[in-house]
Amino acid sequence: MNFASRTIMPFLARLVIASAMLTSGWMNCFGQVQIRPEIVADLQAMDFVVHVPTVEVPTPVESEEGESEAVSSTPKIAKPTTRGVNRIVWLVHDQWPDLGGWGTFLAWSAAVGQLIAGVLLLVGLFTRWAALVICIATGMAIYIVSANVHGMFTMNPFDWPQDSHRFIQLFAGLGLCTLSLGLLFGGGGGFSIDAHHSRGTKPPKLNSTKNSTE
């Protein structure tokens, strides 16, 4: 195996996966994401906080001189938002409604796992374990979202590109899962803490000497 396949490619794979997991995990744990209006009631029924902001939009009203001026305003409902992990909770509960509190536990485990695995892959520490976590997370995301919510695998594959959002989401998940499998079986490569640690713990080679007879 050459230098590129043993060192460069695993390093690039780690950077790509870590960038995706760190940003996604941070958003799921701490950020606000937009959600569809039809799932607001479900999240509120599960006692999750959902923000539905209103924006005041001026409404032009004609004056006596015939000139239009904005003197009144009409509230316009913006897209609701919630914590990113709450959207995962909804997806899990929609797929397996009998899980109860375990659905929330699984959703938080996935979100925190993304964040921690992203940090570990970035530095190349416990690479195989981090890659295993990402394989499980991306595999479940493909199963729940692409297969069940979007119904991608019941469609003609040549119809997938008609919805660019679903198409990109499916292959982004497949790509991350495939790269993670490569790291799971091949390790983090030469530019990783794992490789440095393994080199430092190797026993020294003993020089073979011939037995001398007196």
C-alpha atoms as a PDB file:
ATOM      1  CA  MET A   1       0.000   0.000   0.000  1.00  0.00           C
ATOM      2  CA  ASN A   2       1.341   3.430  -0.904  1.00  0.00           C
ATOM      3  CA  PHE A   3       1.552   6.636   1.101  1.00  0.00           C
ATOM      4  CA  ALA A   4      -1.670   8.111  -0.363  1.00  0.00           C
ATOM      5  CA  SER A   5      -3.897   5.151   0.499  1.00  0.00           C
ATOM      6  CA  ARG A   6      -2.397   4.661   3.968  1.00  0.00           C
ATOM      7  CA  THR A   7      -2.115   8.298   5.032  1.00  0.00           C
ATOM      8  CA  ILE A   8      -3.636  10.943   2.743  1.00  0.00           C
ATOM      9  CA  MET A   9      -6.993   9.298   1.967  1.00  0.00           C
ATOM     10  CA  PRO A  10      -7.830   8.365   5.593  1.00  0.00           C
ATOM     11  CA  PHE A  11      -6.840  11.886   6.655  1.00  0.00           C
ATOM     12  CA  LEU A  12      -9.141  13.484   4.049  1.00  0.00           C
ATOM     13  CA  ALA A  13     -11.966  11.105   4.960  1.00  0.00           C
ATOM     14  CA  ARG A  14     -11.585  12.062   8.620  1.00  0.00           C
ATOM     15  CA  LEU A  15     -11.701  15.774   7.786  1.00  0.00           C
ATOM     16  CA  VAL A  16     -14.849  15.420   5.674  1.00  0.00           C
ATOM     17  CA  ILE A  17     -16.716  13.290   8.190  1.00  0.00           C
ATOM     18  CA  ALA A  18     -15.566  15.368  11.170  1.00  0.00           C
ATOM     19  CA  SER A  19     -16.717  18.609   9.508  1.00  0.00           C
ATOM     20  CA  ALA A  20     -20.161  17.141   8.835  1.00  0.00           C
ATOM     21  CA  MET A  21     -20.543  15.589  12.285  1.00  0.00           C
ATOM     22  CA  LEU A  22     -19.273  18.602  14.241  1.00  0.00           C
ATOM     23  CA  THR A  23     -21.599  21.060  12.512  1.00  0.00           C
ATOM     24  CA  SER A  24     -24.575  18.700  12.557  1.00  0.00           C
ATOM     25  CA  GLY A  25     -23.988  17.608  16.148  1.00  0.00           C
ATOM     26  CA  TRP A  26     -23.565  21.184  17.364  1.00  0.00           C
ATOM     27  CA  MET A  27     -26.773  22.266  15.639  1.00  0.00           C
ATOM     28  CA  ASN A  28     -28.710  19.303  17.009  1.00  0.00           C
ATOM     29  CA  CYS A  29     -27.477  19.836  20.567  1.00  0.00           C
ATOM     30  CA  PHE A  30     -27.488  23.626  20.828  1.00  0.00           C
ATOM     31  CA  GLY A  31     -28.996  25.210  17.714  1.00  0.00           C
ATOM     32  CA  GLN A  32     -32.466  26.005  16.427  1.00  0.00           C
ATOM     33  CA  VAL A  33     -33.706  24.410  13.208  1.00  0.00           C
ATOM     34  CA  GLN A  34     -36.756  25.087  11.089  1.00  0.00           C
ATOM     35  CA  ILE A  35     -39.524  22.508  11.200  1.00  0.00           C
ATOM     36  CA  ARG A  36     -42.656  21.893   9.187  1.00  0.00           C
ATOM     37  CA  PRO A  37     -45.833  23.419  10.630  1.00  0.00           C
ATOM     38  CA  GLU A  38     -47.553  20.016  10.692  1.00  0.00           C
ATOM     39  CA  ILE A  39     -45.196  18.619  13.347  1.00  0.00           C
ATOM     40  CA  VAL A  40     -45.459  21.602  15.712  1.00  0.00           C
ATOM     41  CA  ALA A  41     -48.481  20.159  17.508  1.00  0.00           C
ATOM     42  CA  ASP A  42     -46.750  16.797  17.963  1.00  0.00           C
ATOM     43  CA  LEU A  43     -43.678  18.397  19.536  1.00  0.00           C
ATOM     44  CA  GLN A  44     -45.788  20.603  21.768  1.00  0.00           C
ATOM     45  CA  ALA A  45     -47.762  17.533  22.874  1.00  0.00           C
ATOM     46  CA  MET A  46     -44.429  15.997  23.940  1.00  0.00           C
ATOM     47  CA  ASP A  47     -43.694  19.163  25.989  1.00  0.00           C
ATOM     48  CA  PHE A  48     -40.913  20.398  23.692  1.00  0.00           C
ATOM     49  CA  VAL A  49     -40.400  24.120  23.206  1.00  0.00           C
ATOM     50  CA  VAL A  50     -41.336  25.337  19.716  1.00  0.00           C
ATOM     51  CA  HIS A  51     -40.786  28.953  18.684  1.00  0.00           C
ATOM     52  CA  VAL A  52     -43.335  30.394  16.258  1.00  0.00           C
ATOM     53  CA  PRO A  53     -42.195  33.973  15.622  1.00  0.00           C
ATOM     54  CA  THR A  54     -44.353  36.656  14.050  1.00  0.00           C
ATOM     55  CA  VAL A  55     -43.053  39.344  11.742  1.00  0.00           C
ATOM     56  CA  GLU A  56     -44.873  42.619  11.330  1.00  0.00           C
ATOM     57  CA  VAL A  57     -45.278  43.377   7.636  1.00  0.00           C
ATOM     58  CA  PRO A  58     -46.481  46.922   6.791  1.00  0.00           C
ATOM     59  CA  THR A  59     -49.694  47.061   4.778  1.00  0.00           C
ATOM     60  CA  PRO A  60     -49.933  50.056   2.427  1.00  0.00           C
ATOM     61  CA  VAL A  61     -53.091  52.131   2.845  1.00  0.00           C
ATOM     62  CA  GLU A  62     -54.116  54.862   0.422  1.00  0.00           C
ATOM     63  CA  SER A  63     -54.438  58.375   1.861  1.00  0.00           C
ATOM     64  CA  GLU A  64     -56.976  61.008   0.834  1.00  0.00           C
ATOM     65  CA  GLU A  65     -54.514  62.445  -1.695  1.00  0.00           C
ATOM     66  CA  GLY A  66     -54.279  59.047  -3.379  1.00  0.00           C
ATOM     67  CA  GLU A  67     -50.792  58.324  -2.120  1.00  0.00           C
ATOM     68  CA  SER A  68     -50.107  54.951  -0.512  1.00  0.00           C
ATOM     69  CA  GLU A  69     -48.472  54.895   2.879  1.00  0.00           C
ATOM     70  CA  ALA A  70     -47.853  52.100   5.371  1.00  0.00           C
ATOM     71  CA  VAL A  71     -49.924  52.968   8.432  1.00  0.00           C
ATOM     72  CA  SER A  72     -51.074  49.522   9.553  1.00  0.00           C
ATOM     73  CA  SER A  73     -49.366  46.188   9.797  1.00  0.00           C
ATOM     74  CA  THR A  74     -50.456  42.594   9.357  1.00  0.00           C
ATOM     75  CA  PRO A  75     -48.746  39.793  11.315  1.00  0.00           C
ATOM     76  CA  LYS A  76     -47.059  37.229   9.125  1.00  0.00           C
ATOM     77  CA  ILE A  77     -46.270  33.806  10.576  1.00  0.00           C
ATOM     78  CA  ALA A  78     -42.659  32.772   9.985  1.00  0.00           C
ATOM     79  CA  LYS A  79     -41.448  29.186   9.933  1.00  0.00           C
ATOM     80  CA  PRO A  80     -41.440  27.608  13.414  1.00  0.00           C
ATOM     81  CA  THR A  81     -38.147  26.514  14.945  1.00  0.00           C
ATOM     82  CA  THR A  82     -37.079  24.165  17.710  1.00  0.00           C
ATOM     83  CA  ARG A  83     -33.899  22.633  19.106  1.00  0.00           C
ATOM     84  CA  GLY A  84     -32.320  20.347  16.541  1.00  0.00           C
ATOM     85  CA  VAL A  85     -32.485  17.241  18.696  1.00  0.00           C
ATOM     86  CA  ASN A  86     -36.242  17.695  19.085  1.00  0.00           C
ATOM     87  CA  ARG A  87     -36.652  17.080  15.373  1.00  0.00           C
ATOM     88  CA  ILE A  88     -34.771  13.796  15.765  1.00  0.00           C
ATOM     89  CA  VAL A  89     -37.037  12.883  18.688  1.00  0.00           C
ATOM     90  CA  TRP A  90     -40.073  13.459  16.486  1.00  0.00           C
ATOM     91  CA  LEU A  91     -38.637  11.291  13.699  1.00  0.00           C
ATOM     92  CA  VAL A  92     -37.884   8.454  16.125  1.00  0.00           C
ATOM     93  CA  HIS A  93     -41.303   8.639  17.783  1.00  0.00           C
ATOM     94  CA  ASP A  94     -43.014   8.804  14.395  1.00  0.00           C
ATOM     95  CA  GLN A  95     -41.180   5.635  13.319  1.00  0.00           C
ATOM     96  CA  TRP A  96     -41.451   3.757  16.631  1.00  0.00           C
ATOM     97  CA  PRO A  97     -44.266   5.316  18.702  1.00  0.00           C
ATOM     98  CA  ASP A  98     -44.053   2.631  21.404  1.00  0.00           C
ATOM     99  CA  LEU A  99     -40.540   3.592  22.496  1.00  0.00           C
ATOM    100  CA  GLY A 100     -41.756   6.317  24.839  1.00  0.00           C
ATOM    101  CA  GLY A 101     -38.904   7.936  26.757  1.00  0.00           C
ATOM    102  CA  TRP A 102     -36.371   5.715  25.031  1.00  0.00           C
ATOM    103  CA  GLY A 103     -36.991   7.644  21.825  1.00  0.00           C
ATOM    104  CA  THR A 104     -35.744  10.830  23.487  1.00  0.00           C
ATOM    105  CA  PHE A 105     -32.746   8.950  24.880  1.00  0.00           C
ATOM    106  CA  LEU A 106     -31.861   7.584  21.424  1.00  0.00           C
ATOM    107  CA  ALA A 107     -32.203  11.014  19.837  1.00  0.00           C
ATOM    108  CA  TRP A 108     -29.904  12.658  22.382  1.00  0.00           C
ATOM    109  CA  SER A 109     -27.452   9.764  22.077  1.00  0.00           C
ATOM    110  CA  ALA A 110     -27.311  10.297  18.309  1.00  0.00           C
ATOM    111  CA  ALA A 111     -26.819  14.063  18.644  1.00  0.00           C
ATOM    112  CA  VAL A 112     -24.123  13.851  21.327  1.00  0.00           C
ATOM    113  CA  GLY A 113     -22.521  10.913  19.518  1.00  0.00           C
ATOM    114  CA  GLN A 114     -22.203  13.014  16.367  1.00  0.00           C
ATOM    115  CA  LEU A 115     -20.456  15.774  18.288  1.00  0.00           C
ATOM    116  CA  ILE A 116     -18.037  13.530  20.176  1.00  0.00           C
ATOM    117  CA  ALA A 117     -17.290  11.328  17.163  1.00  0.00           C
ATOM    118  CA  GLY A 118     -16.551  14.426  15.083  1.00  0.00           C
ATOM    119  CA  VAL A 119     -13.973  15.626  17.609  1.00  0.00           C
ATOM    120  CA  LEU A 120     -12.363  12.183  17.837  1.00  0.00           C
ATOM    121  CA  LEU A 121     -12.124  11.811  14.068  1.00  0.00           C
ATOM    122  CA  LEU A 122     -10.672  15.285  13.693  1.00  0.00           C
ATOM    123  CA  VAL A 123      -7.666  14.353  15.816  1.00  0.00           C
ATOM    124  CA  GLY A 124      -7.632  10.673  14.893  1.00  0.00           C
ATOM    125  CA  LEU A 125      -8.247   9.289  18.381  1.00  0.00           C
ATOM    126  CA  PHE A 126     -10.246   6.062  18.827  1.00  0.00           C
ATOM    127  CA  THR A 127     -10.908   6.326  15.111  1.00  0.00           C
ATOM    128  CA  ARG A 128     -12.508   2.915  14.645  1.00  0.00           C
ATOM    129  CA  TRP A 129     -14.961   3.410  17.516  1.00  0.00           C
ATOM    130  CA  ALA A 130     -15.891   6.883  16.304  1.00  0.00           C
ATOM    131  CA  ALA A 131     -16.383   5.539  12.777  1.00  0.00           C
ATOM    132  CA  LEU A 132     -18.639   2.785  14.132  1.00  0.00           C
ATOM    133  CA  VAL A 133     -20.820   5.375  15.891  1.00  0.00           C
ATOM    134  CA  ILE A 134     -21.131   7.386  12.686  1.00  0.00           C
ATOM    135  CA  CYS A 135     -21.944   4.278  10.639  1.00  0.00           C
ATOM    136  CA  ILE A 136     -24.813   3.494  13.016  1.00  0.00           C
ATOM    137  CA  ALA A 137     -26.060   7.111  13.111  1.00  0.00           C
ATOM    138  CA  THR A 138     -25.964   7.630   9.339  1.00  0.00           C
ATOM    139  CA  GLY A 139     -27.433   4.196   8.688  1.00  0.00           C
ATOM    140  CA  MET A 140     -30.388   4.922  10.971  1.00  0.00           C
ATOM    141  CA  ALA A 141     -30.834   8.358   9.379  1.00  0.00           C
ATOM    142  CA  ILE A 142     -30.983   6.785   5.919  1.00  0.00           C
ATOM    143  CA  TYR A 143     -33.474   4.173   7.138  1.00  0.00           C
ATOM    144  CA  ILE A 144     -35.764   6.606   8.948  1.00  0.00           C
ATOM    145  CA  VAL A 145     -35.639   9.652   6.665  1.00  0.00           C
ATOM    146  CA  SER A 146     -34.809   8.477   3.155  1.00  0.00           C
ATOM    147  CA  ALA A 147     -36.458   5.045   3.290  1.00  0.00           C
ATOM    148  CA  ASN A 148     -39.539   5.689   5.437  1.00  0.00           C
ATOM    149  CA  VAL A 149     -40.306   9.425   5.497  1.00  0.00           C
ATOM    150  CA  HIS A 150     -39.369  10.150   1.878  1.00  0.00           C
ATOM    151  CA  GLY A 151     -40.011   6.652   0.510  1.00  0.00           C
ATOM    152  CA  MET A 152     -36.936   6.824  -1.720  1.00  0.00           C
ATOM    153  CA  PHE A 153     -36.458   3.063  -1.993  1.00  0.00           C
ATOM    154  CA  THR A 154     -39.999   2.496  -3.239  1.00  0.00           C
ATOM    155  CA  MET A 155     -39.489   4.957  -6.105  1.00  0.00           C
ATOM    156  CA  ASN A 156     -37.905   4.567  -9.498  1.00  0.00           C
ATOM    157  CA  PRO A 157     -34.236   5.564  -8.920  1.00  0.00           C
ATOM    158  CA  PHE A 158     -34.342   7.690 -12.072  1.00  0.00           C
ATOM    159  CA  ASP A 159     -37.002   9.834 -10.350  1.00  0.00           C
ATOM    160  CA  TRP A 160     -34.725  10.620  -7.394  1.00  0.00           C
ATOM    161  CA  PRO A 161     -33.020  13.644  -9.001  1.00  0.00           C
ATOM    162  CA  GLN A 162     -36.413  15.328  -9.499  1.00  0.00           C
ATOM    163  CA  ASP A 163     -36.340  16.285  -5.808  1.00  0.00           C
ATOM    164  CA  SER A 164     -32.826  17.653  -5.360  1.00  0.00           C
ATOM    165  CA  HIS A 165     -33.145  18.021  -1.568  1.00  0.00           C
ATOM    166  CA  ARG A 166     -34.052  14.380  -0.997  1.00  0.00           C
ATOM    167  CA  PHE A 167     -31.533  13.223  -3.608  1.00  0.00           C
ATOM    168  CA  ILE A 168     -28.634  15.102  -1.988  1.00  0.00           C
ATOM    169  CA  GLN A 169     -29.738  14.065   1.503  1.00  0.00           C
ATOM    170  CA  LEU A 170     -29.771  10.384   0.538  1.00  0.00           C
ATOM    171  CA  PHE A 171     -26.375  10.333  -1.123  1.00  0.00           C
ATOM    172  CA  ALA A 172     -24.790  12.540   1.528  1.00  0.00           C
ATOM    173  CA  GLY A 173     -25.805   9.944   4.100  1.00  0.00           C
ATOM    174  CA  LEU A 174     -24.581   7.081   1.917  1.00  0.00           C
ATOM    175  CA  GLY A 175     -21.286   8.869   1.294  1.00  0.00           C
ATOM    176  CA  LEU A 176     -20.638   9.530   4.992  1.00  0.00           C
ATOM    177  CA  CYS A 177     -21.561   5.950   5.865  1.00  0.00           C
ATOM    178  CA  THR A 178     -19.200   4.583   3.186  1.00  0.00           C
ATOM    179  CA  LEU A 179     -16.297   6.789   4.295  1.00  0.00           C
ATOM    180  CA  SER A 180     -16.912   5.742   7.896  1.00  0.00           C
ATOM    181  CA  LEU A 181     -16.815   2.073   6.907  1.00  0.00           C
ATOM    182  CA  GLY A 182     -13.422   2.685   5.318  1.00  0.00           C
ATOM    183  CA  LEU A 183     -12.119   4.175   8.571  1.00  0.00           C
ATOM    184  CA  LEU A 184     -13.736   1.402  10.596  1.00  0.00           C
ATOM    185  CA  PHE A 185     -11.827  -1.297   8.743  1.00  0.00           C
ATOM    186  CA  GLY A 186      -8.704   0.650   7.768  1.00  0.00           C
ATOM    187  CA  GLY A 187      -8.085   2.927  10.740  1.00  0.00           C
ATOM    188  CA  GLY A 188      -7.293   6.632  10.885  1.00  0.00           C
ATOM    189  CA  GLY A 189      -4.144   6.560   8.780  1.00  0.00           C
ATOM    190  CA  GLY A 190      -0.674   7.894   9.438  1.00  0.00           C
ATOM    191  CA  PHE A 191      -1.770  11.425  10.409  1.00  0.00           C
ATOM    192  CA  SER A 192      -3.636  10.368  13.546  1.00  0.00           C
ATOM    193  CA  ILE A 193      -3.038  10.014  17.267  1.00  0.00           C
ATOM    194  CA  ASP A 194      -3.901   6.344  16.963  1.00  0.00           C
ATOM    195  CA  ALA A 195      -1.025   5.758  14.518  1.00  0.00           C
ATOM    196  CA  HIS A 196       1.403   7.753  16.682  1.00  0.00           C
ATOM    197  CA  HIS A 197       0.364   5.793  19.754  1.00  0.00           C
ATOM    198  CA  SER A 198       0.715   2.436  17.982  1.00  0.00           C
ATOM    199  CA  ARG A 199       4.197   3.366  16.750  1.00  0.00           C
ATOM    200  CA  GLY A 200       5.210   4.390  20.258  1.00  0.00           C
ATOM    201  CA  THR A 201       4.024   1.148  21.862  1.00  0.00           C
ATOM    202  CA  LYS A 202       5.599  -1.279  19.411  1.00  0.00           C
ATOM    203  CA  PRO A 203       8.189  -3.491  21.118  1.00  0.00           C
ATOM    204  CA  PRO A 204      11.729  -3.006  19.834  1.00  0.00           C
ATOM    205  CA  LYS A 205      12.950  -5.537  17.333  1.00  0.00           C
ATOM    206  CA  LEU A 206      15.487  -7.950  18.719  1.00  0.00           C
ATOM    207  CA  ASN A 207      18.528  -8.615  16.628  1.00  0.00           C
ATOM    208  CA  SER A 208      18.927 -12.277  15.880  1.00  0.00           C
ATOM    209  CA  THR A 209      22.271 -13.628  16.961  1.00  0.00           C
ATOM    210  CA  LYS A 210      23.796 -16.944  16.232  1.00  0.00           C
ATOM    211  CA  ASN A 211      24.592 -19.101  19.136  1.00  0.00           C
ATOM    212  CA  SER A 212      28.296 -19.558  19.511  1.00  0.00           C
ATOM    213  CA  THR A 213      29.727 -22.832  20.586  1.00  0.00           C
ATOM    214  CA  GLU A 214      32.777 -23.020  22.679  1.00  0.00           C
END
